[in-house]
C-alpha atoms as a PDB file:
ATOM      1  CA  MET A   1      10.122  21.875  15.694  1.00  0.00           C
ATOM      2  CA  GLN A   2       7.359  19.561  17.852  1.00  0.00           C
ATOM      3  CA  VAL A   3       3.672  20.668  17.103  1.00  0.00           C
ATOM      4  CA  CYS A   4       1.023  20.049  19.361  1.00  0.00           C
ATOM      5  CA  GLY A   5      -2.273  19.724  18.675  1.00  0.00           C
ATOM      6  CA  LYS A   6      -5.359  17.235  17.242  1.00  0.00           C
ATOM      7  CA  ALA A   7      -6.233  16.732  13.980  1.00  0.00           C
ATOM      8  CA  LEU A   8      -9.269  14.643  12.796  1.00  0.00           C
ATOM      9  CA  VAL A   9      -9.325  13.172   9.293  1.00  0.00           C
ATOM     10  CA  CYS A  10     -12.645  12.639   8.303  1.00  0.00           C
ATOM     11  CA  ASP A  11     -11.744  10.964   4.741  1.00  0.00           C
ATOM     12  CA  SER A  12      -9.543   8.492   3.346  1.00  0.00           C
ATOM     13  CA  ILE A  13      -6.281   9.951   2.459  1.00  0.00           C
ATOM     14  CA  ASP A  14      -2.752   8.430   1.469  1.00  0.00           C
ATOM     15  CA  GLN A  15      -1.138   7.451   4.915  1.00  0.00           C
ATOM     16  CA  VAL A  16       2.218   9.631   4.064  1.00  0.00           C
ATOM     17  CA  GLY A  17       0.567  12.619   4.889  1.00  0.00           C
ATOM     18  CA  ILE A  18      -1.133  11.267   8.517  1.00  0.00           C
ATOM     19  CA  ASP A  19       2.337  10.093   9.146  1.00  0.00           C
ATOM     20  CA  SER A  20       4.250  13.384   8.700  1.00  0.00           C
ATOM     21  CA  LEU A  21       1.838  14.867  11.580  1.00  0.00           C
ATOM     22  CA  LYS A  22       2.575  12.020  13.864  1.00  0.00           C
ATOM     23  CA  LYS A  23       6.009  12.596  13.186  1.00  0.00           C
ATOM     24  CA  VAL A  24       5.978  16.360  14.291  1.00  0.00           C
ATOM     25  CA  GLY A  25       3.936  15.395  17.402  1.00  0.00           C
ATOM     26  CA  MET A  26       0.275  16.083  16.526  1.00  0.00           C
ATOM     27  CA  THR A  27      -2.551  13.458  17.441  1.00  0.00           C
ATOM     28  CA  VAL A  28      -4.187  12.113  14.615  1.00  0.00           C
ATOM     29  CA  ASP A  29      -7.663  10.412  14.750  1.00  0.00           C
ATOM     30  CA  TYR A  30      -8.504   8.626  11.510  1.00  0.00           C
ATOM     31  CA  PHE A  31     -12.181   8.332  11.092  1.00  0.00           C
ATOM     32  CA  PRO A  32     -13.006   7.915   7.059  1.00  0.00           C
ATOM     33  CA  GLU A  33     -16.526   7.047   7.421  1.00  0.00           C
ATOM     34  CA  ILE A  34     -17.578   9.607   9.819  1.00  0.00           C
ATOM     35  CA  ASN A  35     -21.224  10.904   9.499  1.00  0.00           C
ATOM     36  CA  THR A  36     -22.658  14.416  10.177  1.00  0.00           C
ATOM     37  CA  LYS A  37     -23.802  13.799  13.615  1.00  0.00           C
ATOM     38  CA  GLU A  38     -20.772  12.601  14.876  1.00  0.00           C
ATOM     39  CA  LEU A  39     -18.571  14.810  13.680  1.00  0.00           C
ATOM     40  CA  ILE A  40     -20.618  17.673  14.806  1.00  0.00           C
ATOM     41  CA  SER A  41     -20.650  16.134  18.416  1.00  0.00           C
ATOM     42  CA  SER A  42     -16.863  15.716  18.469  1.00  0.00           C
ATOM     43  CA  ILE A  43     -15.327  18.684  16.176  1.00  0.00           C
ATOM     44  CA  LYS A  44     -14.980  20.681  19.135  1.00  0.00           C
ATOM     45  CA  ASN A  45     -11.942  18.321  20.596  1.00  0.00           C
ATOM     46  CA  TYR A  46      -9.781  19.316  17.140  1.00  0.00           C
ATOM     47  CA  ASP A  47      -7.511  21.973  16.162  1.00  0.00           C
ATOM     48  CA  VAL A  48      -7.697  20.840  12.588  1.00  0.00           C
ATOM     49  CA  VAL A  49     -10.325  19.030  10.419  1.00  0.00           C
ATOM     50  CA  ILE A  50      -8.935  17.228   7.206  1.00  0.00           C
ATOM     51  CA  VAL A  51     -11.343  16.365   4.469  1.00  0.00           C
ATOM     52  CA  ARG A  52     -11.829  15.193   0.884  1.00  0.00           C
ATOM     53  CA  SER A  53     -14.767  15.306  -0.971  1.00  0.00           C
ATOM     54  CA  ARG A  54     -17.423  12.948   0.831  1.00  0.00           C
ATOM     55  CA  THR A  55     -17.323  15.114   4.160  1.00  0.00           C
ATOM     56  CA  LYS A  56     -19.936  17.989   4.234  1.00  0.00           C
ATOM     57  CA  ILE A  57     -18.427  20.893   6.179  1.00  0.00           C
ATOM     58  CA  THR A  58     -21.415  23.238   6.434  1.00  0.00           C
ATOM     59  CA  LYS A  59     -22.438  26.305   8.689  1.00  0.00           C
ATOM     60  CA  GLU A  60     -23.685  23.544  11.614  1.00  0.00           C
ATOM     61  CA  VAL A  61     -20.650  21.568  11.613  1.00  0.00           C
ATOM     62  CA  ILE A  62     -18.436  24.891  11.870  1.00  0.00           C
ATOM     63  CA  ASN A  63     -20.387  26.695  14.645  1.00  0.00           C
ATOM     64  CA  ALA A  64     -19.580  23.027  16.496  1.00  0.00           C
ATOM     65  CA  ALA A  65     -15.979  23.779  15.780  1.00  0.00           C
ATOM     66  CA  THR A  66     -15.386  26.141  18.739  1.00  0.00           C
ATOM     67  CA  ASN A  67     -11.546  24.945  19.169  1.00  0.00           C
ATOM     68  CA  THR A  68     -10.785  24.658  15.351  1.00  0.00           C
ATOM     69  CA  LYS A  69      -8.152  26.593  13.753  1.00  0.00           C
ATOM     70  CA  ILE A  70      -7.808  24.805  10.274  1.00  0.00           C
ATOM     71  CA  ILE A  71     -10.016  22.936   7.859  1.00  0.00           C
ATOM     72  CA  ALA A  72      -7.939  21.455   5.184  1.00  0.00           C
ATOM     73  CA  ARG A  73      -9.009  20.004   1.805  1.00  0.00           C
ATOM     74  CA  VAL A  74      -7.208  16.935   0.578  1.00  0.00           C
ATOM     75  CA  GLY A  75      -7.801  18.073  -2.775  1.00  0.00           C
ATOM     76  CA  VAL A  76      -8.675  21.422  -5.261  1.00  0.00           C
ATOM     77  CA  GLY A  77     -12.320  22.264  -4.817  1.00  0.00           C
ATOM     78  CA  LEU A  78     -13.656  23.872  -1.569  1.00  0.00           C
ATOM     79  CA  ASP A  79     -17.265  23.586  -2.493  1.00  0.00           C
ATOM     80  CA  ASN A  80     -18.144  21.081   0.258  1.00  0.00           C
ATOM     81  CA  ILE A  81     -16.856  23.486   2.694  1.00  0.00           C
ATOM     82  CA  ASP A  82     -18.992  26.897   3.694  1.00  0.00           C
ATOM     83  CA  VAL A  83     -15.682  28.891   3.497  1.00  0.00           C
ATOM     84  CA  LYS A  84     -17.542  32.255   4.591  1.00  0.00           C
ATOM     85  CA  ALA A  85     -18.518  30.659   7.594  1.00  0.00           C
ATOM     86  CA  ALA A  86     -15.126  29.526   8.181  1.00  0.00           C
ATOM     87  CA  GLU A  87     -13.714  32.627   7.959  1.00  0.00           C
ATOM     88  CA  ALA A  88     -16.363  34.645  10.242  1.00  0.00           C
ATOM     89  CA  ARG A  89     -14.993  32.210  12.905  1.00  0.00           C
ATOM     90  CA  ASN A  90     -11.502  32.664  12.190  1.00  0.00           C
ATOM     91  CA  ILE A  91     -10.731  29.124  10.679  1.00  0.00           C
ATOM     92  CA  ARG A  92      -8.290  28.721   8.142  1.00  0.00           C
ATOM     93  CA  VAL A  93      -9.282  26.919   4.734  1.00  0.00           C
ATOM     94  CA  ILE A  94      -6.808  25.445   2.954  1.00  0.00           C
ATOM     95  CA  ASN A  95      -6.668  22.638  -0.056  1.00  0.00           C
ATOM     96  CA  ALA A  96      -3.767  20.997  -1.948  1.00  0.00           C
ATOM     97  CA  ALA A  97      -4.756  22.377  -5.476  1.00  0.00           C
ATOM     98  CA  GLU A  98      -1.425  21.806  -7.161  1.00  0.00           C
ATOM     99  CA  ALA A  99      -1.463  18.178  -6.440  1.00  0.00           C
ATOM    100  CA  ALA A 100      -4.025  17.284  -8.811  1.00  0.00           C
ATOM    101  CA  MET A 101      -3.015  19.321 -11.789  1.00  0.00           C
ATOM    102  CA  ASN A 102      -0.921  16.670 -13.604  1.00  0.00           C
ATOM    103  CA  ALA A 103      -3.601  13.563 -12.846  1.00  0.00           C
ATOM    104  CA  VAL A 104      -6.432  15.671 -14.034  1.00  0.00           C
ATOM    105  CA  SER A 105      -4.555  17.072 -17.109  1.00  0.00           C
ATOM    106  CA  GLU A 106      -3.695  13.636 -18.554  1.00  0.00           C
ATOM    107  CA  LEU A 107      -7.040  12.700 -17.764  1.00  0.00           C
ATOM    108  CA  THR A 108      -8.342  15.411 -19.646  1.00  0.00           C
ATOM    109  CA  VAL A 109      -6.361  14.682 -22.707  1.00  0.00           C
ATOM    110  CA  GLY A 110      -7.309  11.033 -22.484  1.00  0.00           C
ATOM    111  CA  TYR A 111     -11.108  12.241 -22.931  1.00  0.00           C
ATOM    112  CA  ILE A 112     -10.023  14.436 -25.866  1.00  0.00           C
ATOM    113  CA  ILE A 113      -8.413  11.463 -27.724  1.00  0.00           C
ATOM    114  CA  SER A 114     -10.970   8.998 -26.683  1.00  0.00           C
ATOM    115  CA  LEU A 115     -13.623  11.576 -27.993  1.00  0.00           C
ATOM    116  CA  ALA A 116     -11.683  11.767 -31.375  1.00  0.00           C
ATOM    117  CA  ARG A 117     -11.455   8.425 -32.030  1.00  0.00           C
ATOM    118  CA  SER A 118     -14.546   6.924 -30.232  1.00  0.00           C
ATOM    119  CA  ILE A 119     -12.621   4.537 -28.218  1.00  0.00           C
ATOM    120  CA  PRO A 120     -15.045   3.681 -25.356  1.00  0.00           C
ATOM    121  CA  TYR A 121     -17.896   2.888 -27.824  1.00  0.00           C
ATOM    122  CA  ALA A 122     -15.550   0.998 -30.509  1.00  0.00           C
ATOM    123  CA  ASP A 123     -14.111  -1.006 -27.604  1.00  0.00           C
ATOM    124  CA  MET A 124     -17.861  -1.663 -26.309  1.00  0.00           C
ATOM    125  CA  GLU A 125     -19.067  -2.869 -29.825  1.00  0.00           C
ATOM    126  CA  THR A 126     -16.257  -5.117 -30.662  1.00  0.00           C
ATOM    127  CA  LYS A 127     -16.326  -6.949 -27.309  1.00  0.00           C
ATOM    128  CA  LYS A 128     -20.111  -7.500 -28.353  1.00  0.00           C
ATOM    129  CA  GLY A 129     -18.785  -8.801 -31.853  1.00  0.00           C
ATOM    130  CA  ASN A 130     -19.991  -5.891 -33.722  1.00  0.00           C
ATOM    131  CA  TRP A 131     -17.278  -5.381 -36.426  1.00  0.00           C
ATOM    132  CA  ILE A 132     -18.255  -1.454 -37.075  1.00  0.00           C
ATOM    133  CA  LYS A 133     -14.965  -0.722 -38.658  1.00  0.00           C
ATOM    134  CA  LYS A 134     -17.025   1.377 -41.332  1.00  0.00           C
ATOM    135  CA  ALA A 135     -18.823   3.786 -38.734  1.00  0.00           C
ATOM    136  CA  LEU A 136     -15.951   4.865 -36.918  1.00  0.00           C
ATOM    137  CA  ILE A 137     -14.528   7.817 -39.076  1.00  0.00           C
ATOM    138  CA  GLY A 138     -12.447   9.682 -35.989  1.00  0.00           C
ATOM    139  CA  THR A 139     -10.878  13.083 -36.325  1.00  0.00           C
ATOM    140  CA  GLU A 140      -7.034  14.175 -35.855  1.00  0.00           C
ATOM    141  CA  LEU A 141      -6.343  16.347 -33.153  1.00  0.00           C
ATOM    142  CA  LYS A 142      -3.712  18.214 -35.296  1.00  0.00           C
ATOM    143  CA  GLY A 143      -4.885  21.716 -36.320  1.00  0.00           C
ATOM    144  CA  LYS A 144      -8.111  21.540 -34.312  1.00  0.00           C
ATOM    145  CA  TYR A 145      -8.710  24.259 -31.615  1.00  0.00           C
ATOM    146  CA  LEU A 146      -8.450  23.545 -28.011  1.00  0.00           C
ATOM    147  CA  GLY A 147     -10.750  26.007 -26.162  1.00  0.00           C
ATOM    148  CA  ILE A 148      -9.772  26.012 -22.170  1.00  0.00           C
ATOM    149  CA  ILE A 149     -12.218  27.439 -19.583  1.00  0.00           C
ATOM    150  CA  GLY A 150     -10.235  28.249 -16.492  1.00  0.00           C
ATOM    151  CA  VAL A 151      -6.416  28.624 -17.508  1.00  0.00           C
ATOM    152  CA  GLY A 152      -5.080  27.876 -13.924  1.00  0.00           C
ATOM    153  CA  ASN A 153      -2.652  25.205 -13.094  1.00  0.00           C
ATOM    154  CA  ILE A 154      -4.572  22.341 -14.767  1.00  0.00           C
ATOM    155  CA  GLY A 155      -5.753  24.462 -17.870  1.00  0.00           C
ATOM    156  CA  ARG A 156      -2.358  25.679 -18.492  1.00  0.00           C
ATOM    157  CA  ASN A 157      -0.889  22.116 -17.917  1.00  0.00           C
ATOM    158  CA  VAL A 158      -3.646  20.621 -20.497  1.00  0.00           C
ATOM    159  CA  ALA A 159      -2.501  23.611 -22.854  1.00  0.00           C
ATOM    160  CA  ARG A 160       1.091  22.384 -22.851  1.00  0.00           C
ATOM    161  CA  ILE A 161       0.434  19.060 -23.396  1.00  0.00           C
ATOM    162  CA  SER A 162      -1.920  19.689 -26.249  1.00  0.00           C
ATOM    163  CA  ARG A 163       0.295  21.677 -28.011  1.00  0.00           C
ATOM    164  CA  ALA A 164       2.562  18.216 -28.621  1.00  0.00           C
ATOM    165  CA  PHE A 165      -0.677  17.074 -30.822  1.00  0.00           C
ATOM    166  CA  ARG A 166       0.003  20.584 -32.489  1.00  0.00           C
ATOM    167  CA  MET A 167      -3.307  21.783 -31.521  1.00  0.00           C
ATOM    168  CA  ASN A 168      -4.252  25.416 -31.311  1.00  0.00           C
ATOM    169  CA  ILE A 169      -5.142  26.830 -28.106  1.00  0.00           C
ATOM    170  CA  ILE A 170      -8.120  29.505 -26.804  1.00  0.00           C
ATOM    171  CA  GLY A 171      -8.198  30.382 -23.211  1.00  0.00           C
ATOM    172  CA  TYR A 172     -10.809  32.453 -21.624  1.00  0.00           C
ATOM    173  CA  ASP A 173     -10.512  33.130 -17.484  1.00  0.00           C
ATOM    174  CA  LEU A 174     -12.526  35.399 -15.444  1.00  0.00           C
ATOM    175  CA  TYR A 175      -8.756  36.789 -14.275  1.00  0.00           C
ATOM    176  CA  PRO A 176      -6.045  38.199 -16.660  1.00  0.00           C
ATOM    177  CA  ILE A 177      -3.842  35.123 -17.850  1.00  0.00           C
ATOM    178  CA  ASN A 178      -0.213  35.297 -17.472  1.00  0.00           C
ATOM    179  CA  LYS A 179       1.632  36.897 -20.296  1.00  0.00           C
ATOM    180  CA  ASP A 180       4.586  34.336 -20.559  1.00  0.00           C
ATOM    181  CA  PHE A 181       2.437  31.671 -20.802  1.00  0.00           C
ATOM    182  CA  ILE A 182       0.271  33.080 -23.527  1.00  0.00           C
ATOM    183  CA  LYS A 183       3.434  33.605 -25.426  1.00  0.00           C
ATOM    184  CA  GLU A 184       4.673  30.141 -24.608  1.00  0.00           C
ATOM    185  CA  VAL A 185       1.844  28.130 -25.868  1.00  0.00           C
ATOM    186  CA  GLY A 186       0.883  30.655 -28.742  1.00  0.00           C
ATOM    187  CA  LEU A 187      -2.479  30.845 -26.619  1.00  0.00           C
ATOM    188  CA  ILE A 188      -5.755  33.184 -28.001  1.00  0.00           C
ATOM    189  CA  ALA A 189      -7.040  34.969 -25.249  1.00  0.00           C
ATOM    190  CA  THR A 190     -10.886  35.447 -25.898  1.00  0.00           C
ATOM    191  CA  ASP A 191     -13.962  35.840 -24.194  1.00  0.00           C
ATOM    192  CA  LEU A 192     -16.165  32.899 -23.601  1.00  0.00           C
ATOM    193  CA  ASP A 193     -18.891  33.207 -26.198  1.00  0.00           C
ATOM    194  CA  THR A 194     -16.032  33.231 -28.845  1.00  0.00           C
ATOM    195  CA  LEU A 195     -14.348  30.420 -27.507  1.00  0.00           C
ATOM    196  CA  VAL A 196     -17.311  28.055 -27.582  1.00  0.00           C
ATOM    197  CA  GLU A 197     -18.258  29.056 -31.168  1.00  0.00           C
ATOM    198  CA  SER A 198     -14.786  28.294 -32.266  1.00  0.00           C
ATOM    199  CA  ALA A 199     -13.468  25.396 -30.192  1.00  0.00           C
ATOM    200  CA  ASP A 200     -13.334  21.947 -31.687  1.00  0.00           C
ATOM    201  CA  PHE A 201     -12.962  20.635 -28.307  1.00  0.00           C
ATOM    202  CA  VAL A 202     -13.848  22.550 -24.881  1.00  0.00           C
ATOM    203  CA  THR A 203     -12.633  21.663 -21.707  1.00  0.00           C
ATOM    204  CA  CYS A 204     -13.812  23.044 -18.041  1.00  0.00           C
ATOM    205  CA  HIS A 205     -11.384  23.838 -15.265  1.00  0.00           C
ATOM    206  CA  VAL A 206     -13.471  26.191 -13.252  1.00  0.00           C
ATOM    207  CA  PRO A 207     -14.199  26.119  -9.436  1.00  0.00           C
ATOM    208  CA  LEU A 208     -18.423  26.088  -8.866  1.00  0.00           C
ATOM    209  CA  THR A 209     -19.395  29.918  -7.991  1.00  0.00           C
ATOM    210  CA  GLN A 210     -22.422  31.796  -8.933  1.00  0.00           C
ATOM    211  CA  GLU A 211     -20.781  33.049 -12.114  1.00  0.00           C
ATOM    212  CA  THR A 212     -19.868  29.188 -13.007  1.00  0.00           C
ATOM    213  CA  LYS A 213     -23.234  27.429 -12.174  1.00  0.00           C
ATOM    214  CA  HIS A 214     -24.949  26.030 -15.482  1.00  0.00           C
ATOM    215  CA  MET A 215     -22.415  28.102 -17.429  1.00  0.00           C
ATOM    216  CA  PHE A 216     -23.173  25.472 -20.178  1.00  0.00           C
ATOM    217  CA  ASN A 217     -27.017  25.723 -20.530  1.00  0.00           C
ATOM    218  CA  SER A 218     -29.029  25.553 -23.756  1.00  0.00           C
ATOM    219  CA  GLN A 219     -28.239  29.186 -24.921  1.00  0.00           C
ATOM    220  CA  ARG A 220     -24.312  28.205 -24.936  1.00  0.00           C
ATOM    221  CA  PHE A 221     -24.681  24.997 -26.296  1.00  0.00           C
ATOM    222  CA  SER A 222     -26.645  26.372 -29.241  1.00  0.00           C
ATOM    223  CA  LYS A 223     -23.113  28.815 -29.864  1.00  0.00           C
ATOM    224  CA  MET A 224     -21.148  25.555 -30.267  1.00  0.00           C
ATOM    225  CA  LYS A 225     -20.171  23.506 -33.428  1.00  0.00           C
ATOM    226  CA  SER A 226     -21.941  20.667 -34.362  1.00  0.00           C
ATOM    227  CA  THR A 227     -19.099  18.890 -34.445  1.00  0.00           C
ATOM    228  CA  SER A 228     -17.680  20.140 -31.148  1.00  0.00           C
ATOM    229  CA  TYR A 229     -17.093  18.156 -28.345  1.00  0.00           C
ATOM    230  CA  ILE A 230     -17.272  19.117 -24.295  1.00  0.00           C
ATOM    231  CA  ILE A 231     -15.301  17.887 -21.662  1.00  0.00           C
ATOM    232  CA  ASN A 232     -15.879  18.420 -17.627  1.00  0.00           C
ATOM    233  CA  THR A 233     -13.531  17.602 -15.182  1.00  0.00           C
ATOM    234  CA  SER A 234     -14.113  20.554 -12.710  1.00  0.00           C
ATOM    235  CA  ARG A 235     -17.507  20.434 -11.000  1.00  0.00           C
ATOM    236  CA  GLY A 236     -21.013  18.507 -12.535  1.00  0.00           C
ATOM    237  CA  GLN A 237     -23.077  21.612 -12.102  1.00  0.00           C
ATOM    238  CA  VAL A 238     -21.106  23.924 -14.197  1.00  0.00           C
ATOM    239  CA  ILE A 239     -22.652  22.021 -16.969  1.00  0.00           C
ATOM    240  CA  ASP A 240     -26.886  21.855 -17.084  1.00  0.00           C
ATOM    241  CA  GLU A 241     -27.147  18.236 -17.684  1.00  0.00           C
ATOM    242  CA  GLN A 242     -30.704  18.263 -19.009  1.00  0.00           C
ATOM    243  CA  ALA A 243     -29.392  20.843 -21.762  1.00  0.00           C
ATOM    244  CA  LEU A 244     -26.534  19.134 -22.348  1.00  0.00           C
ATOM    245  CA  TYR A 245     -28.622  15.759 -23.287  1.00  0.00           C
ATOM    246  CA  GLU A 246     -30.593  17.833 -25.681  1.00  0.00           C
ATOM    247  CA  ALA A 247     -27.745  19.240 -27.073  1.00  0.00           C
ATOM    248  CA  LEU A 248     -26.130  15.689 -27.651  1.00  0.00           C
ATOM    249  CA  THR A 249     -29.336  13.936 -28.750  1.00  0.00           C
ATOM    250  CA  ASN A 250     -30.599  17.075 -31.148  1.00  0.00           C
ATOM    251  CA  GLY A 251     -27.177  16.853 -32.976  1.00  0.00           C
ATOM    252  CA  LYS A 252     -26.212  20.570 -31.574  1.00  0.00           C
ATOM    253  CA  ILE A 253     -22.682  18.891 -30.391  1.00  0.00           C
ATOM    254  CA  ALA A 254     -21.101  15.364 -31.298  1.00  0.00           C
ATOM    255  CA  GLY A 255     -19.892  14.304 -28.061  1.00  0.00           C
ATOM    256  CA  ALA A 256     -19.052  14.907 -24.319  1.00  0.00           C
ATOM    257  CA  ALA A 257     -16.971  13.393 -21.703  1.00  0.00           C
ATOM    258  CA  LEU A 258     -17.657  14.277 -18.183  1.00  0.00           C
ATOM    259  CA  ASP A 259     -15.830  12.968 -14.848  1.00  0.00           C
ATOM    260  CA  VAL A 260     -18.133  14.810 -12.744  1.00  0.00           C
ATOM    261  CA  PHE A 261     -21.994  15.063 -12.559  1.00  0.00           C
ATOM    262  CA  GLU A 262     -25.017  17.624 -10.730  1.00  0.00           C
ATOM    263  CA  ILE A 263     -25.710  14.748  -8.382  1.00  0.00           C
ATOM    264  CA  GLU A 264     -22.757  12.172  -7.790  1.00  0.00           C
ATOM    265  CA  PRO A 265     -23.270   9.125  -8.359  1.00  0.00           C
ATOM    266  CA  PRO A 266     -25.148  10.549 -11.270  1.00  0.00           C
ATOM    267  CA  THR A 267     -28.793  10.122 -11.548  1.00  0.00           C
ATOM    268  CA  ASN A 268     -29.397  10.904 -15.429  1.00  0.00           C
ATOM    269  CA  LYS A 269     -29.337   7.689 -16.695  1.00  0.00           C
ATOM    270  CA  MET A 270     -30.719   9.042 -20.073  1.00  0.00           C
ATOM    271  CA  LEU A 271     -27.175  11.107 -20.571  1.00  0.00           C
ATOM    272  CA  LEU A 272     -25.057   8.438 -19.234  1.00  0.00           C
ATOM    273  CA  GLU A 273     -26.612   5.896 -21.727  1.00  0.00           C
ATOM    274  CA  LEU A 274     -25.821   7.965 -24.849  1.00  0.00           C
ATOM    275  CA  PRO A 275     -23.285   6.254 -27.412  1.00  0.00           C
ATOM    276  CA  ASN A 276     -21.351   9.611 -27.502  1.00  0.00           C
ATOM    277  CA  VAL A 277     -21.015  10.459 -23.782  1.00  0.00           C
ATOM    278  CA  ILE A 278     -17.759   9.393 -21.727  1.00  0.00           C
ATOM    279  CA  CYS A 279     -18.426   8.817 -18.354  1.00  0.00           C
ATOM    280  CA  THR A 280     -15.946   8.409 -15.293  1.00  0.00           C
ATOM    281  CA  PRO A 281     -16.824   8.446 -11.124  1.00  0.00           C
ATOM    282  CA  HIS A 282     -15.049  11.426 -10.453  1.00  0.00           C
ATOM    283  CA  ILE A 283     -11.527   9.964 -11.119  1.00  0.00           C
ATOM    284  CA  GLY A 284      -9.421  12.968 -12.204  1.00  0.00           C
ATOM    285  CA  SER A 285      -7.255  13.015  -8.990  1.00  0.00           C
ATOM    286  CA  GLN A 286      -7.596   9.400  -8.475  1.00  0.00           C
ATOM    287  CA  THR A 287      -3.922   8.553  -9.117  1.00  0.00           C
ATOM    288  CA  LYS A 288      -1.439   6.793  -6.780  1.00  0.00           C
ATOM    289  CA  GLU A 289       0.709   9.725  -7.346  1.00  0.00           C
ATOM    290  CA  ALA A 290      -2.025  12.571  -6.699  1.00  0.00           C
ATOM    291  CA  GLN A 291      -2.972  11.251  -3.722  1.00  0.00           C
ATOM    292  CA  GLU A 292       0.301  10.932  -2.062  1.00  0.00           C
ATOM    293  CA  LEU A 293       1.131  14.453  -3.224  1.00  0.00           C
ATOM    294  CA  ALA A 294      -1.804  15.777  -2.058  1.00  0.00           C
ATOM    295  CA  SER A 295      -1.495  13.842   1.926  1.00  0.00           C
ATOM    296  CA  ILE A 296       1.863  15.500   1.584  1.00  0.00           C
ATOM    297  CA  VAL A 297       1.110  19.032   1.000  1.00  0.00           C
ATOM    298  CA  ILE A 298      -1.666  19.023   3.040  1.00  0.00           C
ATOM    299  CA  ALA A 299       0.591  17.668   6.067  1.00  0.00           C
ATOM    300  CA  GLU A 300       3.128  20.477   5.192  1.00  0.00           C
ATOM    301  CA  LYS A 301       0.656  23.150   5.061  1.00  0.00           C
ATOM    302  CA  ILE A 302      -0.945  22.177   8.369  1.00  0.00           C
ATOM    303  CA  ILE A 303       2.487  21.714  10.092  1.00  0.00           C
ATOM    304  CA  GLN A 304       3.556  25.261   8.792  1.00  0.00           C
ATOM    305  CA  ILE A 305       0.568  27.114  10.273  1.00  0.00           C
ATOM    306  CA  MET A 306       0.386  25.393  13.624  1.00  0.00           C
ATOM    307  CA  ARG A 307       4.053  26.194  14.098  1.00  0.00           C
END
């Protein structure tokens, strides 16, 4: 069945999704560098607007979207879209959360291993000609407690992978955790403070909300073990970066791995330069497979809704 409609792609996405939309008869305009002013002036011409994280769909943009039926995010989070404003205009907001699950999970586990064995720091020093073998006493993952904050698709997948290292899993979520999954991995469900007090590694997999903004502040860092590590592949503002810097420099926690930052690209250079911090430029879902899958998932959802 053919689908009539026009779609505007505002950010770079995998071609497979664009081809799927065109195959059913939709017109697709691809402007991956479009700015806010251009978007506001042209959005009225489109039934569907497709974004990743670069484009911000603000209330002003939505007010100009007089004919738009769908705003689609080729990714997980929706914090770059004013969802309430869209809903008030009866515009559907959809995402492809399931597409990033494996890529983000694998990156998270990579961080856990890298922190446990100081791999990035060892690499950097060895390349400088410094043989610091005696200083690099790591820790094994076997028997350690992994605290997962946000036991959704990604959190559950991280738990399954980590069980292969014979880690113990602690979980916290605002919503009830699936009982079958709890049995599957032997998860210990608990409150947030108990989790951070008990875990050797803490990993965040939550959306950015009023409840999660600066969830990790000075008070929460003070509850963590001095030997513990924190990993964030969710949203940068979940962590108060100044509080994290102080916790790391004062020895309150042992290290951190950050794929996301309060401001991107990050501006807190002092934090980035610490030897016990691993930094990457928001690459959680940056795999060929995840990008292709996200594009396919979004295209399929758009076609289903438009039909």
